Amino acid sequence: MADVIKINTFLTDMSQYGEFSKARNEAFPAGVPASASYSTPTLVLPSLLVEVEAIAIIGSGS
């Protein structure tokens, strides 16, 4: 996770942003990379609530 430089997040229910933010902070204990969050009515599978796209530069976090 140290090589991740940016994450884009797509949420189908923005009222859940607080829970997502908590999980994101746990996933990045050294600090959250640059990020953007977007509200979307649906994802590819209707049962999905969140999609996270990560951009990383291999070796940048070492």
N, C-alpha and C. Protein backbone atom coordinates (compact mmCIF):
# COMPACT_ATOMS: atom_id res chain seq x y z
N MET A 1 0.83 -1.19 0.00
CA MET A 1 0.00 0.00 0.00
C MET A 1 0.87 1.25 0.00
N ALA A 2 2.12 1.13 0.36
CA ALA A 2 3.00 2.31 0.43
C ALA A 2 3.25 2.92 -0.95
N ASP A 3 3.07 2.14 -2.01
CA ASP A 3 3.30 2.64 -3.37
C ASP A 3 2.09 3.34 -3.97
N VAL A 4 0.95 3.29 -3.30
CA VAL A 4 -0.27 3.93 -3.82
C VAL A 4 -0.12 5.44 -3.68
N ILE A 5 -0.30 6.15 -4.81
CA ILE A 5 -0.16 7.61 -4.78
C ILE A 5 -1.51 8.33 -4.89
N LYS A 6 -2.55 7.62 -5.38
CA LYS A 6 -3.87 8.25 -5.49
C LYS A 6 -4.94 7.17 -5.52
N ILE A 7 -6.08 7.47 -4.90
CA ILE A 7 -7.23 6.57 -5.00
C ILE A 7 -8.46 7.38 -5.41
N ASN A 8 -9.25 6.77 -6.27
CA ASN A 8 -10.56 7.30 -6.67
C ASN A 8 -11.60 6.34 -6.12
N THR A 9 -12.59 6.88 -5.47
CA THR A 9 -13.61 6.05 -4.84
C THR A 9 -14.98 6.40 -5.39
N PHE A 10 -15.76 5.39 -5.69
CA PHE A 10 -17.12 5.55 -6.21
C PHE A 10 -18.06 4.90 -5.21
N LEU A 11 -18.97 5.70 -4.64
CA LEU A 11 -19.90 5.21 -3.62
C LEU A 11 -21.33 5.34 -4.13
N THR A 12 -22.13 4.30 -3.91
CA THR A 12 -23.54 4.36 -4.32
C THR A 12 -24.42 5.00 -3.25
N ASP A 13 -23.89 5.15 -2.04
CA ASP A 13 -24.65 5.74 -0.93
C ASP A 13 -23.71 6.62 -0.12
N MET A 14 -23.74 7.92 -0.36
CA MET A 14 -22.81 8.83 0.31
C MET A 14 -23.04 8.91 1.82
N SER A 15 -24.18 8.42 2.30
CA SER A 15 -24.37 8.40 3.75
C SER A 15 -23.41 7.41 4.41
N GLN A 16 -22.80 6.53 3.61
CA GLN A 16 -21.84 5.56 4.11
C GLN A 16 -20.40 6.06 4.03
N TYR A 17 -20.21 7.32 3.62
CA TYR A 17 -18.86 7.86 3.45
C TYR A 17 -18.04 7.78 4.74
N GLY A 18 -18.66 8.04 5.87
CA GLY A 18 -17.94 7.97 7.15
C GLY A 18 -17.35 6.59 7.40
N GLU A 19 -18.12 5.55 7.12
CA GLU A 19 -17.63 4.18 7.30
C GLU A 19 -16.51 3.88 6.31
N PHE A 20 -16.69 4.33 5.07
CA PHE A 20 -15.63 4.14 4.08
C PHE A 20 -14.35 4.85 4.52
N SER A 21 -14.49 6.08 4.97
CA SER A 21 -13.33 6.88 5.39
C SER A 21 -12.58 6.19 6.53
N LYS A 22 -13.31 5.61 7.45
CA LYS A 22 -12.70 4.88 8.56
C LYS A 22 -11.89 3.69 8.03
N ALA A 23 -12.46 2.92 7.11
CA ALA A 23 -11.77 1.77 6.53
C ALA A 23 -10.54 2.22 5.74
N ARG A 24 -10.67 3.32 4.99
CA ARG A 24 -9.55 3.85 4.20
C ARG A 24 -8.40 4.25 5.13
N ASN A 25 -8.72 4.91 6.24
CA ASN A 25 -7.68 5.32 7.18
C ASN A 25 -6.98 4.11 7.80
N GLU A 26 -7.71 3.04 8.05
CA GLU A 26 -7.11 1.82 8.58
C GLU A 26 -6.20 1.16 7.54
N ALA A 27 -6.58 1.25 6.26
CA ALA A 27 -5.79 0.65 5.18
C ALA A 27 -4.50 1.43 4.92
N PHE A 28 -4.49 2.70 5.27
CA PHE A 28 -3.33 3.56 5.04
C PHE A 28 -2.88 4.21 6.35
N PRO A 29 -2.34 3.42 7.28
CA PRO A 29 -1.97 3.97 8.59
C PRO A 29 -0.87 5.03 8.53
N ALA A 30 -0.05 5.02 7.48
CA ALA A 30 1.03 6.00 7.35
C ALA A 30 0.53 7.31 6.74
N GLY A 31 -0.73 7.35 6.36
CA GLY A 31 -1.31 8.55 5.75
C GLY A 31 -2.01 8.20 4.45
N VAL A 32 -3.16 8.79 4.27
CA VAL A 32 -3.98 8.52 3.08
C VAL A 32 -3.37 9.26 1.88
N PRO A 33 -3.23 8.56 0.73
CA PRO A 33 -2.72 9.24 -0.46
C PRO A 33 -3.76 10.24 -0.99
N ALA A 34 -3.37 11.01 -1.99
CA ALA A 34 -4.33 11.90 -2.65
C ALA A 34 -5.55 11.06 -3.02
N SER A 35 -6.74 11.65 -2.87
CA SER A 35 -7.93 10.86 -3.15
C SER A 35 -9.08 11.75 -3.60
N ALA A 36 -10.00 11.13 -4.30
CA ALA A 36 -11.24 11.78 -4.73
C ALA A 36 -12.36 10.78 -4.55
N SER A 37 -13.52 11.27 -4.13
CA SER A 37 -14.69 10.41 -3.94
C SER A 37 -15.83 10.93 -4.79
N TYR A 38 -16.56 10.01 -5.38
CA TYR A 38 -17.65 10.35 -6.28
C TYR A 38 -18.90 9.57 -5.90
N SER A 39 -20.03 10.21 -6.03
CA SER A 39 -21.32 9.55 -5.84
C SER A 39 -21.78 9.03 -7.19
N THR A 40 -22.23 7.78 -7.21
CA THR A 40 -22.72 7.18 -8.44
C THR A 40 -23.99 6.40 -8.14
N PRO A 41 -24.97 6.41 -9.04
CA PRO A 41 -26.22 5.70 -8.75
C PRO A 41 -26.06 4.18 -8.69
N THR A 42 -25.12 3.63 -9.44
CA THR A 42 -24.93 2.18 -9.44
C THR A 42 -23.52 1.85 -9.92
N LEU A 43 -23.09 0.64 -9.59
CA LEU A 43 -21.81 0.12 -10.07
C LEU A 43 -22.11 -1.05 -11.00
N VAL A 44 -21.08 -1.70 -11.51
CA VAL A 44 -21.28 -2.78 -12.49
C VAL A 44 -22.23 -3.85 -11.97
N LEU A 45 -22.04 -4.27 -10.73
CA LEU A 45 -22.95 -5.23 -10.11
C LEU A 45 -23.84 -4.47 -9.13
N PRO A 46 -25.14 -4.60 -9.22
CA PRO A 46 -26.05 -3.86 -8.34
C PRO A 46 -25.80 -4.09 -6.85
N SER A 47 -25.22 -5.22 -6.49
CA SER A 47 -24.98 -5.52 -5.07
C SER A 47 -23.76 -4.78 -4.51
N LEU A 48 -22.94 -4.20 -5.38
CA LEU A 48 -21.74 -3.49 -4.92
C LEU A 48 -22.12 -2.12 -4.36
N LEU A 49 -21.44 -1.72 -3.29
CA LEU A 49 -21.69 -0.42 -2.66
C LEU A 49 -20.56 0.56 -2.90
N VAL A 50 -19.35 0.04 -3.10
CA VAL A 50 -18.18 0.91 -3.26
C VAL A 50 -17.20 0.28 -4.25
N GLU A 51 -16.54 1.14 -5.01
CA GLU A 51 -15.47 0.72 -5.90
C GLU A 51 -14.29 1.64 -5.64
N VAL A 52 -13.10 1.05 -5.50
CA VAL A 52 -11.90 1.85 -5.27
C VAL A 52 -10.92 1.57 -6.39
N GLU A 53 -10.47 2.63 -7.04
CA GLU A 53 -9.46 2.55 -8.08
C GLU A 53 -8.18 3.13 -7.49
N ALA A 54 -7.10 2.38 -7.56
CA ALA A 54 -5.84 2.84 -6.99
C ALA A 54 -4.79 3.02 -8.08
N ILE A 55 -4.02 4.08 -7.95
CA ILE A 55 -2.91 4.35 -8.85
C ILE A 55 -1.64 4.26 -8.01
N ALA A 56 -0.69 3.44 -8.46
CA ALA A 56 0.54 3.23 -7.70
C ALA A 56 1.75 3.38 -8.61
N ILE A 57 2.84 3.79 -8.01
CA ILE A 57 4.14 3.81 -8.68
C ILE A 57 5.01 2.83 -7.89
N ILE A 58 5.31 1.70 -8.53
CA ILE A 58 6.06 0.65 -7.86
C ILE A 58 7.42 1.19 -7.39
N GLY A 59 7.70 1.01 -6.12
CA GLY A 59 8.96 1.45 -5.54
C GLY A 59 8.92 2.85 -4.96
N SER A 60 7.82 3.55 -5.14
CA SER A 60 7.76 4.94 -4.65
C SER A 60 7.62 5.02 -3.13
N GLY A 61 7.13 3.96 -2.53
CA GLY A 61 6.91 3.99 -1.09
C GLY A 61 8.02 3.38 -0.27
N SER A 62 9.05 2.84 -0.95
CA SER A 62 10.11 2.19 -0.19
C SER A 62 11.22 3.13 0.19
